[in-house]
Amino acid sequence: MNAATEPADVSGGAEQDPASDSAVAWPGYEKFGTVQDILDQNKILINEINANHEAQNPQGLARNVILIRELNSNISKVVDHYKDLSASFQEFSPEEDMEPAAPKEE
């Protein structure tokens, strides 16, 4: 099988940049990568917050205040990015596709 007849890799693996696929990408699509980075950071923060909470030492509990503020800020950023993504996607989509389909009369 040559390169022209091989099926395209649609696995969405980390080595593939989905924004480079013009059939999938739209303006603002690259924010998905930014959102994923923030979510990965949140996972690390949550793990540290949980560890500090379980340890119940004063320094760890005091540090949790800072970590929770950072987590809250990150969540706000994710919400803002999703708002931007939604707006970009709506602008990219044709207007007729945004209209709900009329119910079929039987």
C-alpha atoms as a PDB file:
ATOM      1  CA  MET A   1       0.000   0.000   0.000  1.00  0.00           C
ATOM      2  CA  ASN A   2       1.443   3.387  -0.901  1.00  0.00           C
ATOM      3  CA  ALA A   3       0.970   6.718   0.906  1.00  0.00           C
ATOM      4  CA  ALA A   4      -1.815   7.760  -1.467  1.00  0.00           C
ATOM      5  CA  THR A   5      -3.959   4.734  -0.628  1.00  0.00           C
ATOM      6  CA  GLU A   6      -3.174   4.370   3.090  1.00  0.00           C
ATOM      7  CA  PRO A   7      -5.953   5.470   5.408  1.00  0.00           C
ATOM      8  CA  ALA A   8      -5.340   8.693   7.278  1.00  0.00           C
ATOM      9  CA  ASP A   9      -4.503   8.472  10.974  1.00  0.00           C
ATOM     10  CA  VAL A  10      -7.586   9.766  12.751  1.00  0.00           C
ATOM     11  CA  SER A  11      -6.551   8.523  16.192  1.00  0.00           C
ATOM     12  CA  GLY A  12      -6.032  12.044  17.522  1.00  0.00           C
ATOM     13  CA  GLY A  13      -2.659  11.068  18.976  1.00  0.00           C
ATOM     14  CA  ALA A  14      -0.468  13.617  20.719  1.00  0.00           C
ATOM     15  CA  GLU A  15       1.969  13.714  17.814  1.00  0.00           C
ATOM     16  CA  GLN A  16      -0.768  14.806  15.403  1.00  0.00           C
ATOM     17  CA  ASP A  17      -1.768  18.479  15.377  1.00  0.00           C
ATOM     18  CA  PRO A  18      -5.551  18.528  14.874  1.00  0.00           C
ATOM     19  CA  ALA A  19      -5.461  22.247  14.081  1.00  0.00           C
ATOM     20  CA  SER A  20      -3.439  21.456  10.938  1.00  0.00           C
ATOM     21  CA  ASP A  21      -6.374  19.506   9.476  1.00  0.00           C
ATOM     22  CA  SER A  22      -8.340  22.178   7.625  1.00  0.00           C
ATOM     23  CA  ALA A  23     -11.408  19.930   7.512  1.00  0.00           C
ATOM     24  CA  VAL A  24     -11.550  19.992  11.319  1.00  0.00           C
ATOM     25  CA  ALA A  25     -10.001  23.314  12.318  1.00  0.00           C
ATOM     26  CA  TRP A  26     -11.699  26.673  12.554  1.00  0.00           C
ATOM     27  CA  PRO A  27     -10.492  30.031  13.885  1.00  0.00           C
ATOM     28  CA  GLY A  28      -9.923  29.604  17.611  1.00  0.00           C
ATOM     29  CA  TYR A  29      -9.600  25.814  17.445  1.00  0.00           C
ATOM     30  CA  GLU A  30      -6.057  26.038  18.814  1.00  0.00           C
ATOM     31  CA  LYS A  31      -7.517  27.021  22.200  1.00  0.00           C
ATOM     32  CA  PHE A  32      -8.293  23.341  22.786  1.00  0.00           C
ATOM     33  CA  GLY A  33      -4.568  22.811  23.358  1.00  0.00           C
ATOM     34  CA  THR A  34      -4.452  25.698  25.810  1.00  0.00           C
ATOM     35  CA  VAL A  35      -7.496  24.351  27.651  1.00  0.00           C
ATOM     36  CA  GLN A  36      -5.937  20.884  27.863  1.00  0.00           C
ATOM     37  CA  ASP A  37      -2.735  22.364  29.302  1.00  0.00           C
ATOM     38  CA  ILE A  38      -4.745  24.187  31.979  1.00  0.00           C
ATOM     39  CA  LEU A  39      -6.735  21.035  32.789  1.00  0.00           C
ATOM     40  CA  ASP A  40      -3.490  19.062  33.118  1.00  0.00           C
ATOM     41  CA  GLN A  41      -2.176  21.717  35.516  1.00  0.00           C
ATOM     42  CA  ASN A  42      -5.443  21.529  37.487  1.00  0.00           C
ATOM     43  CA  LYS A  43      -4.983  17.780  37.899  1.00  0.00           C
ATOM     44  CA  ILE A  44      -1.559  18.393  39.436  1.00  0.00           C
ATOM     45  CA  LEU A  45      -2.968  21.101  41.719  1.00  0.00           C
ATOM     46  CA  ILE A  46      -5.828  18.875  42.874  1.00  0.00           C
ATOM     47  CA  ASN A  47      -3.437  16.022  43.651  1.00  0.00           C
ATOM     48  CA  GLU A  48      -1.256  18.354  45.740  1.00  0.00           C
ATOM     49  CA  ILE A  49      -4.300  19.834  47.509  1.00  0.00           C
ATOM     50  CA  ASN A  50      -5.517  16.332  48.378  1.00  0.00           C
ATOM     51  CA  ALA A  51      -2.084  15.273  49.641  1.00  0.00           C
ATOM     52  CA  ASN A  52      -1.825  18.391  51.817  1.00  0.00           C
ATOM     53  CA  HIS A  53      -5.319  17.822  53.182  1.00  0.00           C
ATOM     54  CA  GLU A  54      -4.578  14.191  54.056  1.00  0.00           C
ATOM     55  CA  ALA A  55      -1.257  15.098  55.718  1.00  0.00           C
ATOM     56  CA  GLN A  56      -2.963  17.707  57.923  1.00  0.00           C
ATOM     57  CA  ASN A  57       0.266  19.607  58.545  1.00  0.00           C
ATOM     58  CA  PRO A  58       0.012  23.386  59.026  1.00  0.00           C
ATOM     59  CA  GLN A  59       2.334  24.308  56.140  1.00  0.00           C
ATOM     60  CA  GLY A  60       0.467  22.084  53.690  1.00  0.00           C
ATOM     61  CA  LEU A  61      -2.921  23.376  54.771  1.00  0.00           C
ATOM     62  CA  ALA A  62      -1.695  26.972  54.472  1.00  0.00           C
ATOM     63  CA  ARG A  63      -0.316  26.188  51.003  1.00  0.00           C
ATOM     64  CA  ASN A  64      -3.736  24.822  50.013  1.00  0.00           C
ATOM     65  CA  VAL A  65      -5.128  28.358  50.227  1.00  0.00           C
ATOM     66  CA  ILE A  66      -2.732  29.431  47.473  1.00  0.00           C
ATOM     67  CA  LEU A  67      -3.311  26.263  45.447  1.00  0.00           C
ATOM     68  CA  ILE A  68      -7.099  26.582  45.633  1.00  0.00           C
ATOM     69  CA  ARG A  69      -6.895  30.214  44.478  1.00  0.00           C
ATOM     70  CA  GLU A  70      -4.756  29.111  41.524  1.00  0.00           C
ATOM     71  CA  LEU A  71      -7.200  26.292  40.760  1.00  0.00           C
ATOM     72  CA  ASN A  72     -10.114  28.743  40.854  1.00  0.00           C
ATOM     73  CA  SER A  73      -8.274  31.110  38.510  1.00  0.00           C
ATOM     74  CA  ASN A  74      -7.525  28.249  36.121  1.00  0.00           C
ATOM     75  CA  ILE A  75     -11.166  27.173  36.079  1.00  0.00           C
ATOM     76  CA  SER A  76     -12.174  30.736  35.184  1.00  0.00           C
ATOM     77  CA  LYS A  77      -9.652  30.692  32.337  1.00  0.00           C
ATOM     78  CA  VAL A  78     -11.069  27.398  31.024  1.00  0.00           C
ATOM     79  CA  VAL A  79     -14.601  28.826  31.101  1.00  0.00           C
ATOM     80  CA  ASP A  80     -13.421  31.910  29.187  1.00  0.00           C
ATOM     81  CA  HIS A  81     -11.636  29.760  26.596  1.00  0.00           C
ATOM     82  CA  TYR A  82     -14.743  27.617  26.104  1.00  0.00           C
ATOM     83  CA  LYS A  83     -16.842  30.780  25.634  1.00  0.00           C
ATOM     84  CA  ASP A  84     -14.355  31.961  22.998  1.00  0.00           C
ATOM     85  CA  LEU A  85     -14.366  28.530  21.339  1.00  0.00           C
ATOM     86  CA  SER A  86     -18.141  28.504  21.227  1.00  0.00           C
ATOM     87  CA  ALA A  87     -18.266  31.972  19.687  1.00  0.00           C
ATOM     88  CA  SER A  88     -15.570  31.068  17.134  1.00  0.00           C
ATOM     89  CA  PHE A  89     -17.363  27.876  16.188  1.00  0.00           C
ATOM     90  CA  GLN A  90     -20.678  29.705  15.772  1.00  0.00           C
ATOM     91  CA  GLU A  91     -19.015  32.304  13.537  1.00  0.00           C
ATOM     92  CA  PHE A  92     -17.377  29.553  11.494  1.00  0.00           C
ATOM     93  CA  SER A  93     -20.563  27.519  11.027  1.00  0.00           C
ATOM     94  CA  PRO A  94     -22.980  28.448   8.259  1.00  0.00           C
ATOM     95  CA  GLU A  95     -26.109  30.196   9.546  1.00  0.00           C
ATOM     96  CA  GLU A  96     -28.487  27.606   8.095  1.00  0.00           C
ATOM     97  CA  ASP A  97     -26.782  24.870  10.119  1.00  0.00           C
ATOM     98  CA  MET A  98     -27.472  26.769  13.335  1.00  0.00           C
ATOM     99  CA  GLU A  99     -31.257  26.759  12.868  1.00  0.00           C
ATOM    100  CA  PRO A 100     -33.073  23.893  14.597  1.00  0.00           C
ATOM    101  CA  ALA A 101     -34.752  21.519  12.185  1.00  0.00           C
ATOM    102  CA  ALA A 102     -38.495  21.971  11.841  1.00  0.00           C
ATOM    103  CA  PRO A 103     -40.471  19.060  13.255  1.00  0.00           C
ATOM    104  CA  LYS A 104     -41.747  16.629  10.653  1.00  0.00           C
ATOM    105  CA  GLU A 105     -45.483  16.494  10.257  1.00  0.00           C
ATOM    106  CA  GLU A 106     -46.927  13.023   9.916  1.00  0.00           C
END
